[in-house]
Amino acid sequence: QVQLVESGGGLVQPGGSLRLSCAASRITFNLYSMAWYRQAPGKQRELVATISSGGTTNYADSVKGRFTISRDNAKNTVFLQMNDLKPEDTAVYFCNANWGPTMVQYDYWGQGTQVTVSS
């Protein structure tokens, strides 16, 4: 079965940094667009950053200049480097993999990793 496993979350002070990792298994990783989403308590899940199979990246306005998404296809892993963290970044961060070949979408989610930004 497909598996996405996030790691790297934790507690950090405002202005600090964390790097999240998402390891994928049993997918043809290089075909998939990868993304990080986050969901804070009582709020809808929001898209944080995406990286295409070709390496093109996009970011939510709230994290531009602070977060960097990257991927290592040889290791089937996507990363989210988070710098200058703010309390409003506190959320559960989810890894997503998406591939749409022909009239069908393959969409997979990890179970999330908690990021807490607090002094």
Protein backbone atom coordinates (compact mmCIF):
# COMPACT_ATOMS: atom_id res chain seq x y z
CA GLN A 1 0.00 0.00 0.00
CA VAL A 2 1.00 3.60 -0.55
CA GLN A 3 2.55 5.23 2.48
CA LEU A 4 3.58 8.80 3.23
CA VAL A 5 5.29 9.35 6.57
CA GLU A 6 6.02 12.83 7.87
CA SER A 7 8.68 13.62 10.42
CA GLY A 8 10.56 16.58 11.83
CA GLY A 9 7.84 18.43 13.66
CA GLY A 10 8.17 19.70 17.17
CA LEU A 11 8.20 22.72 19.42
CA VAL A 12 10.20 25.76 18.37
CA GLN A 13 10.39 29.37 19.49
CA PRO A 14 9.29 32.21 17.22
CA GLY A 15 12.05 32.98 14.76
CA GLY A 16 13.34 29.44 14.88
CA SER A 17 13.59 26.83 12.17
CA LEU A 18 12.44 23.30 11.50
CA ARG A 19 12.80 20.95 8.58
CA LEU A 20 9.99 18.56 7.83
CA SER A 21 10.49 15.39 5.84
CA CYS A 22 8.00 13.16 4.07
CA ALA A 23 9.12 9.73 2.97
CA ALA A 24 7.01 8.02 0.33
CA SER A 25 6.84 4.34 -0.46
CA ARG A 26 5.11 2.24 -3.08
CA ILE A 27 4.52 5.09 -5.50
CA THR A 28 6.47 6.08 -8.57
CA PHE A 29 7.66 9.12 -6.71
CA ASN A 30 9.17 11.02 -9.62
CA LEU A 31 5.78 11.19 -11.37
CA TYR A 32 4.02 12.91 -8.50
CA SER A 33 3.55 16.49 -7.61
CA MET A 34 4.24 16.83 -3.90
CA ALA A 35 2.80 19.33 -1.49
CA TRP A 36 2.70 20.37 2.11
CA TYR A 37 -0.58 21.36 3.70
CA ARG A 38 -1.28 22.46 7.23
CA GLN A 39 -4.31 22.55 9.47
CA ALA A 40 -4.65 24.48 12.68
CA PRO A 41 -7.35 23.66 15.25
CA GLY A 42 -10.74 24.92 14.12
CA LYS A 43 -9.47 25.91 10.69
CA GLN A 44 -9.58 24.38 7.26
CA ARG A 45 -6.61 22.64 5.78
CA GLU A 46 -4.57 25.05 3.69
CA LEU A 47 -1.98 24.57 1.01
CA VAL A 48 1.47 25.68 2.10
CA ALA A 49 3.80 24.74 -0.74
CA THR A 50 3.97 22.57 -3.84
CA ILE A 51 6.71 21.11 -5.94
CA SER A 52 6.03 19.57 -9.31
CA SER A 53 7.61 16.44 -10.70
CA GLY A 54 9.96 18.74 -12.60
CA GLY A 55 10.90 20.76 -9.53
CA THR A 56 8.76 23.86 -10.00
CA THR A 57 7.76 25.32 -6.65
CA ASN A 58 4.91 27.48 -5.42
CA TYR A 59 4.15 28.88 -1.99
CA ALA A 60 1.32 30.36 -0.06
CA ASP A 61 1.75 34.10 0.41
CA SER A 62 1.97 33.65 4.16
CA VAL A 63 5.16 31.58 3.91
CA LYS A 64 6.93 33.10 0.91
CA GLY A 65 10.51 33.95 1.73
CA ARG A 66 10.46 31.81 4.86
CA PHE A 67 9.69 28.26 3.69
CA THR A 68 11.39 26.19 1.03
CA ILE A 69 10.03 22.98 -0.44
CA SER A 70 12.41 20.54 -2.10
CA ARG A 71 12.50 16.92 -3.16
CA ASP A 72 15.01 14.14 -3.46
CA ASN A 73 13.66 11.70 -6.00
CA ALA A 74 16.43 9.21 -5.34
CA LYS A 75 15.24 8.96 -1.74
CA ASN A 76 11.50 9.32 -2.45
CA THR A 77 11.42 12.20 -0.01
CA VAL A 78 10.04 15.73 0.02
CA PHE A 79 11.21 18.36 2.49
CA LEU A 80 9.88 21.58 3.90
CA GLN A 81 12.50 23.89 5.35
CA MET A 82 10.76 26.36 7.62
CA ASN A 83 12.65 29.44 8.76
CA ASP A 84 11.62 32.47 10.80
CA LEU A 85 8.71 30.55 12.23
CA LYS A 86 5.79 32.46 13.65
CA PRO A 87 3.08 31.43 16.12
CA GLU A 88 0.57 31.46 13.27
CA ASP A 89 2.55 28.66 11.64
CA THR A 90 1.41 26.34 14.42
CA ALA A 91 -0.50 23.48 12.83
CA VAL A 92 -0.41 19.86 11.88
CA TYR A 93 1.54 19.63 8.64
CA PHE A 94 0.50 17.04 6.08
CA CYS A 95 2.36 15.65 3.12
CA ASN A 96 0.42 15.11 -0.10
CA ALA A 97 1.24 13.29 -3.32
CA ASN A 98 -0.81 13.80 -6.46
CA TRP A 99 -0.62 12.39 -9.97
CA GLY A 100 -3.21 12.70 -12.71
CA PRO A 101 -2.39 10.41 -15.64
CA THR A 102 -5.46 9.93 -17.87
CA MET A 103 -8.87 10.91 -16.48
CA VAL A 104 -7.97 9.68 -13.04
CA GLN A 105 -6.30 11.31 -10.07
CA TYR A 106 -4.08 9.54 -7.60
CA ASP A 107 -4.04 11.44 -4.34
CA TYR A 108 -2.36 10.32 -1.14
CA TRP A 109 -1.91 11.84 2.28
CA GLY A 110 0.33 11.34 5.23
CA GLN A 111 -0.98 11.37 8.77
CA GLY A 112 0.67 14.63 9.72
CA THR A 113 3.32 16.00 12.04
CA GLN A 114 2.71 18.65 14.67
CA VAL A 115 4.54 21.96 14.49
CA THR A 116 4.15 24.25 17.48
CA VAL A 117 5.68 27.73 17.48
CA SER A 118 5.55 29.25 20.92
CA SER A 119 7.70 31.13 23.38
